[in-house]
Amino acid sequence: NAAGYMQHALQTRVVYEGLPYPVLDSTRVPVEDAVEKILALLQEDKQV
């Protein structure tokens, strides 16, 4: 939370909107559940 750091970090969030990649919103997701979702994406991707 250093001066300017958080403001800069929050301003960069728009860069990631609309990218053509799978998106994982981790707002209310425990780390273990986020990892499970990534492992599932990896498994799906290997099948494709």
All heavy atoms as atom14 arrays in JSON, in Angstrom:
{
  "sequence": "NAAGYMQHALQTRVVYEGLPYPVLDSTRVPVEDAVEKILALLQEDKQV",
  "atom14_mask": [
    [1, 1, 1, 1, 1, 1, 1, 1, 0, 0, 0, 0, 0, 0],
    [1, 1, 1, 1, 1, 0, 0, 0, 0, 0, 0, 0, 0, 0],
    [1, 1, 1, 1, 1, 0, 0, 0, 0, 0, 0, 0, 0, 0],
    [1, 1, 1, 1, 0, 0, 0, 0, 0, 0, 0, 0, 0, 0],
    [1, 1, 1, 1, 1, 1, 1, 1, 1, 1, 1, 1, 0, 0],
    [1, 1, 1, 1, 1, 1, 1, 1, 0, 0, 0, 0, 0, 0],
    [1, 1, 1, 1, 1, 1, 1, 1, 1, 0, 0, 0, 0, 0],
    [1, 1, 1, 1, 1, 1, 1, 1, 1, 1, 0, 0, 0, 0],
    [1, 1, 1, 1, 1, 0, 0, 0, 0, 0, 0, 0, 0, 0],
    [1, 1, 1, 1, 1, 1, 1, 1, 0, 0, 0, 0, 0, 0],
    [1, 1, 1, 1, 1, 1, 1, 1, 1, 0, 0, 0, 0, 0],
    [1, 1, 1, 1, 1, 1, 1, 0, 0, 0, 0, 0, 0, 0],
    [1, 1, 1, 1, 1, 1, 1, 1, 1, 1, 1, 0, 0, 0],
    [1, 1, 1, 1, 1, 1, 1, 0, 0, 0, 0, 0, 0, 0],
    [1, 1, 1, 1, 1, 1, 1, 0, 0, 0, 0, 0, 0, 0],
    [1, 1, 1, 1, 1, 1, 1, 1, 1, 1, 1, 1, 0, 0],
    [1, 1, 1, 1, 1, 1, 1, 1, 1, 0, 0, 0, 0, 0],
    [1, 1, 1, 1, 0, 0, 0, 0, 0, 0, 0, 0, 0, 0],
    [1, 1, 1, 1, 1, 1, 1, 1, 0, 0, 0, 0, 0, 0],
    [1, 1, 1, 1, 1, 1, 1, 0, 0, 0, 0, 0, 0, 0],
    [1, 1, 1, 1, 1, 1, 1, 1, 1, 1, 1, 1, 0, 0],
    [1, 1, 1, 1, 1, 1, 1, 0, 0, 0, 0, 0, 0, 0],
    [1, 1, 1, 1, 1, 1, 1, 0, 0, 0, 0, 0, 0, 0],
    [1, 1, 1, 1, 1, 1, 1, 1, 0, 0, 0, 0, 0, 0],
    [1, 1, 1, 1, 1, 1, 1, 1, 0, 0, 0, 0, 0, 0],
    [1, 1, 1, 1, 1, 1, 0, 0, 0, 0, 0, 0, 0, 0],
    [1, 1, 1, 1, 1, 1, 1, 0, 0, 0, 0, 0, 0, 0],
    [1, 1, 1, 1, 1, 1, 1, 1, 1, 1, 1, 0, 0, 0],
    [1, 1, 1, 1, 1, 1, 1, 0, 0, 0, 0, 0, 0, 0],
    [1, 1, 1, 1, 1, 1, 1, 0, 0, 0, 0, 0, 0, 0],
    [1, 1, 1, 1, 1, 1, 1, 0, 0, 0, 0, 0, 0, 0],
    [1, 1, 1, 1, 1, 1, 1, 1, 1, 0, 0, 0, 0, 0],
    [1, 1, 1, 1, 1, 1, 1, 1, 0, 0, 0, 0, 0, 0],
    [1, 1, 1, 1, 1, 0, 0, 0, 0, 0, 0, 0, 0, 0],
    [1, 1, 1, 1, 1, 1, 1, 0, 0, 0, 0, 0, 0, 0],
    [1, 1, 1, 1, 1, 1, 1, 1, 1, 0, 0, 0, 0, 0],
    [1, 1, 1, 1, 1, 1, 1, 1, 1, 0, 0, 0, 0, 0],
    [1, 1, 1, 1, 1, 1, 1, 1, 0, 0, 0, 0, 0, 0],
    [1, 1, 1, 1, 1, 1, 1, 1, 0, 0, 0, 0, 0, 0],
    [1, 1, 1, 1, 1, 0, 0, 0, 0, 0, 0, 0, 0, 0],
    [1, 1, 1, 1, 1, 1, 1, 1, 0, 0, 0, 0, 0, 0],
    [1, 1, 1, 1, 1, 1, 1, 1, 0, 0, 0, 0, 0, 0],
    [1, 1, 1, 1, 1, 1, 1, 1, 1, 0, 0, 0, 0, 0],
    [1, 1, 1, 1, 1, 1, 1, 1, 1, 0, 0, 0, 0, 0],
    [1, 1, 1, 1, 1, 1, 1, 1, 0, 0, 0, 0, 0, 0],
    [1, 1, 1, 1, 1, 1, 1, 1, 1, 0, 0, 0, 0, 0],
    [1, 1, 1, 1, 1, 1, 1, 1, 1, 0, 0, 0, 0, 0],
    [1, 1, 1, 1, 1, 1, 1, 0, 0, 0, 0, 0, 0, 0]
  ],
  "atom14_positions": [
    [[0.81, -1.21, 0.0], [0.0, 0.0, 0.0], [0.85, 1.27, 0.0], [0.42, 2.3, 0.5], [-0.99, -0.02, 1.17], [-0.31, -0.28, 2.5], [0.84, -0.68, 2.54], [-1.03, -0.07, 3.58], [0.0, 0.0, 0.0], [0.0, 0.0, 0.0], [0.0, 0.0, 0.0], [0.0, 0.0, 0.0], [0.0, 0.0, 0.0], [0.0, 0.0, 0.0]],
    [[2.04, 1.21, -0.59], [2.88, 2.39, -0.7], [2.2, 3.43, -1.58], [1.41, 3.09, -2.47], [4.24, 2.01, -1.29], [0.0, 0.0, 0.0], [0.0, 0.0, 0.0], [0.0, 0.0, 0.0], [0.0, 0.0, 0.0], [0.0, 0.0, 0.0], [0.0, 0.0, 0.0], [0.0, 0.0, 0.0], [0.0, 0.0, 0.0], [0.0, 0.0, 0.0]],
    [[2.53, 4.68, -1.32], [1.93, 5.78, -2.08], [2.13, 5.57, -3.57], [3.22, 5.31, -4.04], [2.57, 7.11, -1.65], [0.0, 0.0, 0.0], [0.0, 0.0, 0.0], [0.0, 0.0, 0.0], [0.0, 0.0, 0.0], [0.0, 0.0, 0.0], [0.0, 0.0, 0.0], [0.0, 0.0, 0.0], [0.0, 0.0, 0.0], [0.0, 0.0, 0.0]],
    [[1.05, 5.64, -4.31], [1.1, 5.51, -5.76], [1.07, 4.08, -6.27], [0.59, 3.84, -7.37], [0.0, 0.0, 0.0], [0.0, 0.0, 0.0], [0.0, 0.0, 0.0], [0.0, 0.0, 0.0], [0.0, 0.0, 0.0], [0.0, 0.0, 0.0], [0.0, 0.0, 0.0], [0.0, 0.0, 0.0], [0.0, 0.0, 0.0], [0.0, 0.0, 0.0]],
    [[1.59, 3.14, -5.5], [1.63, 1.74, -5.97], [0.23, 1.19, -6.18], [-0.07, 0.64, -7.24], [2.41, 0.85, -4.99], [2.42, -0.61, -5.44], [3.39, -1.05, -6.34], [1.47, -1.51, -4.99], [3.39, -2.36, -6.78], [1.47, -2.82, -5.43], [2.43, -3.24, -6.32], [2.43, -4.53, -6.76], [0.0, 0.0, 0.0], [0.0, 0.0, 0.0]],
    [[-0.61, 1.29, -5.16], [-1.96, 0.73, -5.27], [-2.76, 1.4, -6.37], [-3.46, 0.74, -7.12], [-2.69, 0.82, -3.93], [-2.23, -0.25, -2.98], [-3.09, -0.28, -1.42], [-4.78, -0.27, -1.87], [0.0, 0.0, 0.0], [0.0, 0.0, 0.0], [0.0, 0.0, 0.0], [0.0, 0.0, 0.0], [0.0, 0.0, 0.0], [0.0, 0.0, 0.0]],
    [[-2.64, 2.72, -6.47], [-3.37, 3.45, -7.52], [-2.94, 2.95, -8.89], [-3.78, 2.67, -9.75], [-3.14, 4.95, -7.39], [-3.86, 5.74, -8.45], [-3.57, 7.25, -8.34], [-2.85, 7.69, -7.46], [-4.15, 8.0, -9.24], [0.0, 0.0, 0.0], [0.0, 0.0, 0.0], [0.0, 0.0, 0.0], [0.0, 0.0, 0.0], [0.0, 0.0, 0.0]],
    [[-1.63, 2.8, -9.1], [-1.11, 2.3, -10.37], [-1.61, 0.88, -10.63], [-2.07, 0.56, -11.75], [0.41, 2.34, -10.4], [1.01, 1.62, -11.56], [0.98, 2.15, -12.84], [1.61, 0.41, -11.67], [1.55, 1.29, -13.67], [1.95, 0.24, -12.97], [0.0, 0.0, 0.0], [0.0, 0.0, 0.0], [0.0, 0.0, 0.0], [0.0, 0.0, 0.0]],
    [[-1.53, 0.02, -9.62], [-1.96, -1.37, -9.77], [-3.44, -1.45, -10.14], [-3.83, -2.21, -11.02], [-1.67, -2.15, -8.5], [0.0, 0.0, 0.0], [0.0, 0.0, 0.0], [0.0, 0.0, 0.0], [0.0, 0.0, 0.0], [0.0, 0.0, 0.0], [0.0, 0.0, 0.0], [0.0, 0.0, 0.0], [0.0, 0.0, 0.0], [0.0, 0.0, 0.0]],
    [[-4.25, -0.66, -9.48], [-5.69, -0.69, -9.76], [-6.01, -0.14, -11.15], [-6.94, -0.6, -11.8], [-6.46, 0.07, -8.68], [-6.42, -0.58, -7.29], [-7.05, 0.33, -6.25], [-7.09, -1.95, -7.29], [0.0, 0.0, 0.0], [0.0, 0.0, 0.0], [0.0, 0.0, 0.0], [0.0, 0.0, 0.0], [0.0, 0.0, 0.0], [0.0, 0.0, 0.0]],
    [[-5.22, 0.82, -11.61], [-5.44, 1.38, -12.95], [-5.1, 0.37, -14.04], [-5.64, 0.44, -15.14], [-4.61, 2.65, -13.14], [-5.14, 3.83, -12.37], [-4.22, 5.03, -12.44], [-3.05, 4.94, -12.83], [-4.74, 6.18, -12.05], [0.0, 0.0, 0.0], [0.0, 0.0, 0.0], [0.0, 0.0, 0.0], [0.0, 0.0, 0.0], [0.0, 0.0, 0.0]],
    [[-4.21, -0.58, -13.76], [-3.82, -1.56, -14.79], [-4.86, -2.65, -14.98], [-4.76, -3.43, -15.92], [-2.47, -2.22, -14.45], [-2.6, -3.0, -13.26], [-1.36, -1.19, -14.32], [0.0, 0.0, 0.0], [0.0, 0.0, 0.0], [0.0, 0.0, 0.0], [0.0, 0.0, 0.0], [0.0, 0.0, 0.0], [0.0, 0.0, 0.0], [0.0, 0.0, 0.0]],
    [[-5.84, -2.72, -14.11], [-6.86, -3.78, -14.2], [-7.56, -3.81, -15.55], [-7.9, -4.88, -16.05], [-7.88, -3.62, -13.07], [-7.31, -3.88, -11.68], [-8.29, -3.46, -10.59], [-9.59, -4.07, -10.75], [-9.93, -5.27, -10.3], [-9.06, -6.0, -9.63], [-11.14, -5.75, -10.5], [0.0, 0.0, 0.0], [0.0, 0.0, 0.0], [0.0, 0.0, 0.0]],
    [[-7.75, -2.66, -16.18], [-8.48, -2.59, -17.45], [-7.75, -3.33, -18.57], [-8.38, -3.78, -19.53], [-8.76, -1.13, -17.88], [-9.61, -0.42, -16.86], [-7.48, -0.38, -18.15], [0.0, 0.0, 0.0], [0.0, 0.0, 0.0], [0.0, 0.0, 0.0], [0.0, 0.0, 0.0], [0.0, 0.0, 0.0], [0.0, 0.0, 0.0], [0.0, 0.0, 0.0]],
    [[-6.43, -3.48, -18.45], [-5.64, -4.17, -19.48], [-6.12, -5.62, -19.65], [-6.05, -6.18, -20.74], [-4.14, -4.14, -19.1], [-3.31, -5.04, -19.99], [-3.62, -2.72, -19.11], [0.0, 0.0, 0.0], [0.0, 0.0, 0.0], [0.0, 0.0, 0.0], [0.0, 0.0, 0.0], [0.0, 0.0, 0.0], [0.0, 0.0, 0.0], [0.0, 0.0, 0.0]],
    [[-6.62, -6.21, -18.57], [-6.96, -7.62, -18.58], [-8.42, -7.9, -18.96], [-8.8, -9.05, -19.1], [-6.65, -8.23, -17.2], [-5.18, -8.03, -16.89], [-4.75, -6.94, -16.16], [-4.23, -8.91, -17.4], [-3.4, -6.72, -15.92], [-2.89, -8.7, -17.17], [-2.48, -7.61, -16.43], [-1.15, -7.39, -16.21], [0.0, 0.0, 0.0], [0.0, 0.0, 0.0]],
    [[-9.18, -6.85, -19.16], [-10.58, -7.01, -19.55], [-10.66, -7.31, -21.04], [-10.05, -6.63, -21.86], [-11.37, -5.74, -19.22], [-11.46, -5.46, -17.74], [-12.08, -4.12, -17.42], [-12.53, -3.41, -18.36], [-12.1, -3.76, -16.23], [0.0, 0.0, 0.0], [0.0, 0.0, 0.0], [0.0, 0.0, 0.0], [0.0, 0.0, 0.0], [0.0, 0.0, 0.0]],
    [[-11.38, -8.33, -21.39], [-11.61, -8.64, -22.8], [-10.49, -9.39, -23.49], [-10.55, -9.56, -24.71], [0.0, 0.0, 0.0], [0.0, 0.0, 0.0], [0.0, 0.0, 0.0], [0.0, 0.0, 0.0], [0.0, 0.0, 0.0], [0.0, 0.0, 0.0], [0.0, 0.0, 0.0], [0.0, 0.0, 0.0], [0.0, 0.0, 0.0], [0.0, 0.0, 0.0]],
    [[-9.46, -9.84, -22.75], [-8.44, -10.65, -23.4], [-9.06, -11.99, -23.81], [-9.96, -12.5, -23.14], [-7.26, -10.89, -22.45], [-6.4, -9.67, -22.12], [-5.33, -10.04, -21.09], [-5.73, -9.12, -23.38], [0.0, 0.0, 0.0], [0.0, 0.0, 0.0], [0.0, 0.0, 0.0], [0.0, 0.0, 0.0], [0.0, 0.0, 0.0], [0.0, 0.0, 0.0]],
    [[-8.58, -12.58, -24.89], [-9.2, -13.82, -25.4], [-8.72, -15.08, -24.68], [-8.45, -16.09, -25.3], [-8.75, -13.82, -26.86], [-7.42, -13.16, -26.83], [-7.54, -12.09, -25.78], [0.0, 0.0, 0.0], [0.0, 0.0, 0.0], [0.0, 0.0, 0.0], [0.0, 0.0, 0.0], [0.0, 0.0, 0.0], [0.0, 0.0, 0.0], [0.0, 0.0, 0.0]],
    [[-8.6, -15.0, -23.35], [-8.12, -16.12, -22.55], [-9.17, -16.5, -21.52], [-10.0, -15.68, -21.15], [-6.83, -15.75, -21.8], [-5.77, -15.1, -22.64], [-5.1, -13.97, -22.2], [-5.42, -15.61, -23.89], [-4.12, -13.37, -22.96], [-4.44, -15.02, -24.66], [-3.78, -13.9, -24.19], [-2.82, -13.31, -24.96], [0.0, 0.0, 0.0], [0.0, 0.0, 0.0]],
    [[-9.11, -17.73, -21.03], [-10.0, -18.08, -19.92], [-9.74, -17.14, -18.74], [-8.6, -16.78, -18.47], [-9.58, -19.52, -19.57], [-8.88, -20.03, -20.78], [-8.26, -18.84, -21.44], [0.0, 0.0, 0.0], [0.0, 0.0, 0.0], [0.0, 0.0, 0.0], [0.0, 0.0, 0.0], [0.0, 0.0, 0.0], [0.0, 0.0, 0.0], [0.0, 0.0, 0.0]],
    [[-10.82, -16.75, -18.06], [-10.73, -15.83, -16.92], [-11.17, -16.57, -15.67], [-12.21, -17.23, -15.66], [-11.62, -14.59, -17.13], [-11.6, -13.69, -15.91], [-11.18, -13.81, -18.36], [0.0, 0.0, 0.0], [0.0, 0.0, 0.0], [0.0, 0.0, 0.0], [0.0, 0.0, 0.0], [0.0, 0.0, 0.0], [0.0, 0.0, 0.0], [0.0, 0.0, 0.0]],
    [[-10.38, -16.44, -14.63], [-10.71, -17.02, -13.34], [-10.85, -15.88, -12.34], [-9.88, -15.21, -12.02], [-9.64, -18.0, -12.89], [-9.77, -18.58, -11.49], [-11.13, -19.26, -11.29], [-8.65, -19.56, -11.23], [0.0, 0.0, 0.0], [0.0, 0.0, 0.0], [0.0, 0.0, 0.0], [0.0, 0.0, 0.0], [0.0, 0.0, 0.0], [0.0, 0.0, 0.0]],
    [[-12.07, -15.63, -11.9], [-12.33, -14.6, -10.89], [-12.16, -15.25, -9.52], [-12.92, -16.13, -9.13], [-13.74, -14.04, -11.05], [-14.02, -12.87, -10.12], [-13.32, -12.74, -9.09], [-14.94, -12.09, -10.41], [0.0, 0.0, 0.0], [0.0, 0.0, 0.0], [0.0, 0.0, 0.0], [0.0, 0.0, 0.0], [0.0, 0.0, 0.0], [0.0, 0.0, 0.0]],
    [[-11.15, -14.8, -8.79], [-10.81, -15.41, -7.5], [-11.35, -14.61, -6.31], [-10.88, -14.81, -5.19], [-9.29, -15.55, -7.39], [-8.68, -14.27, -7.34], [0.0, 0.0, 0.0], [0.0, 0.0, 0.0], [0.0, 0.0, 0.0], [0.0, 0.0, 0.0], [0.0, 0.0, 0.0], [0.0, 0.0, 0.0], [0.0, 0.0, 0.0], [0.0, 0.0, 0.0]],
    [[-12.32, -13.73, -6.56], [-12.82, -12.85, -5.5], [-13.26, -13.63, -4.27], [-12.81, -13.37, -3.17], [-13.98, -11.98, -6.01], [-13.51, -11.21, -7.13], [-14.48, -11.04, -4.93], [0.0, 0.0, 0.0], [0.0, 0.0, 0.0], [0.0, 0.0, 0.0], [0.0, 0.0, 0.0], [0.0, 0.0, 0.0], [0.0, 0.0, 0.0], [0.0, 0.0, 0.0]],
    [[-14.14, -14.56, -4.43], [-14.66, -15.33, -3.29], [-14.31, -16.81, -3.4], [-15.04, -17.66, -2.92], [-16.17, -15.15, -3.21], [-16.56, -13.75, -2.8], [-18.07, -13.59, -2.65], [-18.39, -12.22, -2.3], [-18.52, -11.23, -3.15], [-18.34, -11.45, -4.43], [-18.82, -10.01, -2.75], [0.0, 0.0, 0.0], [0.0, 0.0, 0.0], [0.0, 0.0, 0.0]],
    [[-13.18, -17.07, -4.03], [-12.78, -18.44, -4.29], [-11.54, -18.76, -3.45], [-10.51, -18.09, -3.58], [-12.46, -18.63, -5.8], [-11.97, -20.03, -6.08], [-13.67, -18.28, -6.65], [0.0, 0.0, 0.0], [0.0, 0.0, 0.0], [0.0, 0.0, 0.0], [0.0, 0.0, 0.0], [0.0, 0.0, 0.0], [0.0, 0.0, 0.0], [0.0, 0.0, 0.0]],
    [[-11.62, -19.78, -2.61], [-10.42, -20.19, -1.87], [-9.31, -20.62, -2.84], [-9.59, -21.09, -3.95], [-10.9, -21.38, -1.03], [-12.39, -21.25, -0.97], [-12.79, -20.57, -2.25], [0.0, 0.0, 0.0], [0.0, 0.0, 0.0], [0.0, 0.0, 0.0], [0.0, 0.0, 0.0], [0.0, 0.0, 0.0], [0.0, 0.0, 0.0], [0.0, 0.0, 0.0]],
    [[-8.08, -20.48, -2.43], [-6.93, -20.79, -3.29], [-7.05, -22.21, -3.84], [-6.83, -22.44, -5.03], [-5.6, -20.61, -2.53], [-4.43, -21.09, -3.35], [-5.41, -19.16, -2.12], [0.0, 0.0, 0.0], [0.0, 0.0, 0.0], [0.0, 0.0, 0.0], [0.0, 0.0, 0.0], [0.0, 0.0, 0.0], [0.0, 0.0, 0.0], [0.0, 0.0, 0.0]],
    [[-7.4, -23.15, -2.99], [-7.49, -24.55, -3.43], [-8.53, -24.71, -4.55], [-8.31, -25.47, -5.5], [-7.81, -25.46, -2.26], [-7.58, -26.92, -2.54], [-6.13, -27.25, -2.94], [-5.19, -26.66, -2.38], [-5.97, -28.12, -3.82], [0.0, 0.0, 0.0], [0.0, 0.0, 0.0], [0.0, 0.0, 0.0], [0.0, 0.0, 0.0], [0.0, 0.0, 0.0]],
    [[-9.64, -24.0, -4.45], [-10.67, -24.08, -5.5], [-10.18, -23.44, -6.8], [-10.47, -23.94, -7.89], [-11.96, -23.41, -5.03], [-12.66, -24.19, -3.92], [-12.23, -25.32, -3.61], [-13.63, -23.65, -3.36], [0.0, 0.0, 0.0], [0.0, 0.0, 0.0], [0.0, 0.0, 0.0], [0.0, 0.0, 0.0], [0.0, 0.0, 0.0], [0.0, 0.0, 0.0]],
    [[-9.44, -22.34, -6.68], [-8.87, -21.7, -7.88], [-7.91, -22.66, -8.57], [-7.92, -22.79, -9.81], [-8.17, -20.4, -7.5], [0.0, 0.0, 0.0], [0.0, 0.0, 0.0], [0.0, 0.0, 0.0], [0.0, 0.0, 0.0], [0.0, 0.0, 0.0], [0.0, 0.0, 0.0], [0.0, 0.0, 0.0], [0.0, 0.0, 0.0], [0.0, 0.0, 0.0]],
    [[-7.1, -23.34, -7.78], [-6.15, -24.31, -8.35], [-6.91, -25.45, -9.04], [-6.54, -25.87, -10.14], [-5.2, -24.84, -7.26], [-4.4, -26.04, -7.75], [-4.26, -23.72, -6.81], [0.0, 0.0, 0.0], [0.0, 0.0, 0.0], [0.0, 0.0, 0.0], [0.0, 0.0, 0.0], [0.0, 0.0, 0.0], [0.0, 0.0, 0.0], [0.0, 0.0, 0.0]],
    [[-7.97, -25.94, -8.43], [-8.79, -26.99, -9.04], [-9.35, -26.54, -10.39], [-9.37, -27.31, -11.36], [-9.94, -27.41, -8.12], [-9.51, -28.25, -6.94], [-8.91, -29.59, -7.33], [-9.33, -30.18, -8.36], [-8.0, -30.04, -6.62], [0.0, 0.0, 0.0], [0.0, 0.0, 0.0], [0.0, 0.0, 0.0], [0.0, 0.0, 0.0], [0.0, 0.0, 0.0]],
    [[-9.79, -25.28, -10.46], [-10.34, -24.76, -11.71], [-9.25, -24.68, -12.79], [-9.5, -24.98, -13.96], [-10.97, -23.39, -11.48], [-12.27, -23.48, -10.7], [-12.88, -22.13, -10.46], [-14.16, -22.3, -9.65], [-14.95, -21.11, -9.54], [0.0, 0.0, 0.0], [0.0, 0.0, 0.0], [0.0, 0.0, 0.0], [0.0, 0.0, 0.0], [0.0, 0.0, 0.0]],
    [[-8.05, -24.29, -12.4], [-6.94, -24.21, -13.35], [-6.57, -25.62, -13.82], [-6.33, -25.85, -15.01], [-5.74, -23.47, -12.75], [-6.09, -21.99, -12.58], [-4.49, -23.64, -13.62], [-5.07, -21.19, -11.79], [0.0, 0.0, 0.0], [0.0, 0.0, 0.0], [0.0, 0.0, 0.0], [0.0, 0.0, 0.0], [0.0, 0.0, 0.0], [0.0, 0.0, 0.0]],
    [[-6.51, -26.57, -12.9], [-6.21, -27.96, -13.29], [-7.27, -28.5, -14.25], [-6.94, -29.24, -15.19], [-6.09, -28.84, -12.05], [-4.87, -28.57, -11.16], [-4.95, -29.37, -9.87], [-3.58, -28.84, -11.9], [0.0, 0.0, 0.0], [0.0, 0.0, 0.0], [0.0, 0.0, 0.0], [0.0, 0.0, 0.0], [0.0, 0.0, 0.0], [0.0, 0.0, 0.0]],
    [[-8.53, -28.13, -14.04], [-9.6, -28.55, -14.94], [-9.42, -27.91, -16.32], [-9.6, -28.58, -17.35], [-10.97, -28.18, -14.36], [0.0, 0.0, 0.0], [0.0, 0.0, 0.0], [0.0, 0.0, 0.0], [0.0, 0.0, 0.0], [0.0, 0.0, 0.0], [0.0, 0.0, 0.0], [0.0, 0.0, 0.0], [0.0, 0.0, 0.0], [0.0, 0.0, 0.0]],
    [[-9.05, -26.63, -16.35], [-8.78, -25.96, -17.64], [-7.62, -26.64, -18.36], [-7.65, -26.83, -19.58], [-8.47, -24.48, -17.43], [-9.64, -23.57, -17.13], [-9.15, -22.18, -16.7], [-10.54, -23.44, -18.35], [0.0, 0.0, 0.0], [0.0, 0.0, 0.0], [0.0, 0.0, 0.0], [0.0, 0.0, 0.0], [0.0, 0.0, 0.0], [0.0, 0.0, 0.0]],
    [[-6.61, -27.0, -17.61], [-5.44, -27.68, -18.18], [-5.86, -29.03, -18.76], [-5.45, -29.4, -19.86], [-4.36, -27.85, -17.12], [-3.05, -28.45, -17.54], [-2.38, -27.62, -18.61], [-2.13, -28.59, -16.34], [0.0, 0.0, 0.0], [0.0, 0.0, 0.0], [0.0, 0.0, 0.0], [0.0, 0.0, 0.0], [0.0, 0.0, 0.0], [0.0, 0.0, 0.0]],
    [[-6.68, -29.76, -18.06], [-7.16, -31.06, -18.53], [-8.0, -30.9, -19.8], [-7.85, -31.65, -20.76], [-7.97, -31.76, -17.43], [-8.22, -33.2, -17.71], [-6.94, -34.02, -17.83], [-5.93, -33.74, -17.2], [-6.96, -35.01, -18.69], [0.0, 0.0, 0.0], [0.0, 0.0, 0.0], [0.0, 0.0, 0.0], [0.0, 0.0, 0.0], [0.0, 0.0, 0.0]],
    [[-8.92, -29.91, -19.8], [-9.74, -29.62, -20.99], [-8.86, -29.28, -22.17], [-9.07, -29.75, -23.28], [-10.64, -28.41, -20.72], [-11.91, -28.68, -20.0], [-12.66, -27.36, -19.77], [-12.63, -26.46, -20.63], [-13.28, -27.25, -18.7], [0.0, 0.0, 0.0], [0.0, 0.0, 0.0], [0.0, 0.0, 0.0], [0.0, 0.0, 0.0], [0.0, 0.0, 0.0]],
    [[-7.84, -28.44, -21.92], [-6.94, -27.98, -22.97], [-6.17, -29.15, -23.57], [-5.98, -29.21, -24.78], [-5.98, -26.93, -22.39], [-5.24, -26.18, -23.47], [-5.91, -25.51, -24.28], [-4.01, -26.28, -23.51], [0.0, 0.0, 0.0], [0.0, 0.0, 0.0], [0.0, 0.0, 0.0], [0.0, 0.0, 0.0], [0.0, 0.0, 0.0], [0.0, 0.0, 0.0]],
    [[-5.75, -30.09, -22.75], [-5.0, -31.26, -23.25], [-5.88, -32.11, -24.16], [-5.39, -32.73, -25.09], [-4.49, -32.1, -22.09], [-3.29, -31.52, -21.44], [-2.72, -32.46, -20.42], [-1.43, -31.89, -19.9], [-0.5, -32.87, -19.5], [0.0, 0.0, 0.0], [0.0, 0.0, 0.0], [0.0, 0.0, 0.0], [0.0, 0.0, 0.0], [0.0, 0.0, 0.0]],
    [[-7.18, -32.15, -23.88], [-8.08, -32.93, -24.71], [-8.32, -32.27, -26.06], [-8.58, -32.93, -27.04], [-9.4, -33.16, -23.98], [-9.24, -34.03, -22.76], [-10.48, -34.1, -21.9], [-11.51, -33.5, -22.22], [-10.4, -34.82, -20.8], [0.0, 0.0, 0.0], [0.0, 0.0, 0.0], [0.0, 0.0, 0.0], [0.0, 0.0, 0.0], [0.0, 0.0, 0.0]],
    [[-8.19, -30.95, -26.12], [-8.39, -30.2, -27.36], [-7.16, -30.25, -28.23], [-7.25, -30.35, -29.45], [-8.78, -28.72, -27.04], [-8.81, -27.9, -28.31], [-10.11, -28.67, -26.33], [0.0, 0.0, 0.0], [0.0, 0.0, 0.0], [0.0, 0.0, 0.0], [0.0, 0.0, 0.0], [0.0, 0.0, 0.0], [0.0, 0.0, 0.0], [0.0, 0.0, 0.0]]
  ]
}
